[in-house]
Amino acid sequence: MTTLSVPDMSCGHCRASIETALKPLPGVEQISFDAEARKVSVTGPAPASQLIAALDAIGFPASVAG
């Protein structure tokens, strides 16, 4: 599982946009959200760099949560 920090995720529309961007990527099996902590967890073998690039492309800068 990869957990990403997405500081600009603030509403349901943000969540929907993020899910739409990540869901079709190869290796993404499941997506879960922690809206309060502004984190997205992705289950599956998709590389973090691919996830971050997809979010960056739609205007949501992200980083691997530590």
Protein backbone atom coordinates (compact mmCIF):
# COMPACT_ATOMS: atom_id res chain seq x y z
CA MET A 1 0.00 0.00 0.00
CA THR A 2 1.16 3.52 -0.80
CA THR A 3 -0.10 6.46 1.25
CA LEU A 4 0.13 9.90 -0.27
CA SER A 5 -0.19 13.25 1.39
CA VAL A 6 -2.41 15.50 -0.74
CA PRO A 7 -2.56 18.85 1.10
CA ASP A 8 -4.90 20.50 -1.43
CA MET A 9 -7.62 17.83 -1.10
CA SER A 10 -10.38 19.66 0.75
CA CYS A 11 -13.79 18.53 -0.49
CA GLY A 12 -15.85 15.78 -2.07
CA HIS A 13 -15.20 17.16 -5.54
CA CYS A 14 -11.45 16.93 -4.90
CA ARG A 15 -11.88 13.33 -3.81
CA ALA A 16 -13.89 12.47 -6.93
CA SER A 17 -11.26 14.06 -9.19
CA ILE A 18 -8.46 12.17 -7.46
CA GLU A 19 -10.32 8.87 -7.69
CA THR A 20 -11.03 9.45 -11.39
CA ALA A 21 -7.34 10.13 -12.04
CA LEU A 22 -6.01 7.14 -10.09
CA LYS A 23 -8.58 4.40 -10.74
CA PRO A 24 -7.62 3.64 -14.38
CA LEU A 25 -3.87 3.41 -13.66
CA PRO A 26 -2.35 -0.05 -13.97
CA GLY A 27 -1.69 -1.58 -10.58
CA VAL A 28 -4.32 0.42 -8.68
CA GLU A 29 -6.56 -2.09 -6.92
CA GLN A 30 -8.26 0.01 -4.23
CA ILE A 31 -8.30 3.66 -3.18
CA SER A 32 -9.19 4.93 0.27
CA PHE A 33 -9.32 8.45 1.62
CA ASP A 34 -8.64 10.11 4.95
CA ALA A 35 -10.10 13.54 4.19
CA GLU A 36 -9.30 14.97 7.62
CA ALA A 37 -5.61 14.09 7.33
CA ARG A 38 -5.68 14.85 3.58
CA LYS A 39 -4.21 11.46 2.70
CA VAL A 40 -4.96 8.97 -0.04
CA SER A 41 -4.03 5.29 0.31
CA VAL A 42 -3.67 3.13 -2.77
CA THR A 43 -3.56 -0.65 -2.57
CA GLY A 44 -1.81 -2.47 -5.40
CA PRO A 45 1.55 -2.55 -7.16
CA ALA A 46 1.29 0.87 -8.86
CA PRO A 47 4.54 2.78 -8.26
CA ALA A 48 4.30 5.90 -6.09
CA SER A 49 5.93 7.97 -8.82
CA GLN A 50 3.11 7.07 -11.22
CA LEU A 51 0.46 8.00 -8.64
CA ILE A 52 2.14 11.30 -7.84
CA ALA A 53 2.48 12.16 -11.54
CA ALA A 54 -1.21 11.46 -12.16
CA LEU A 55 -2.25 13.70 -9.29
CA ASP A 56 0.18 16.43 -10.28
CA ALA A 57 -1.31 16.38 -13.80
CA ILE A 58 -4.75 17.30 -12.41
CA GLY A 59 -3.47 19.99 -10.08
CA PHE A 60 -3.09 18.08 -6.83
CA PRO A 61 0.57 18.05 -5.79
CA ALA A 62 1.25 14.97 -3.67
CA SER A 63 4.09 13.27 -1.86
CA VAL A 64 4.58 9.95 -0.15
CA ALA A 65 3.31 10.30 3.41
CA GLY A 66 5.97 9.61 6.00
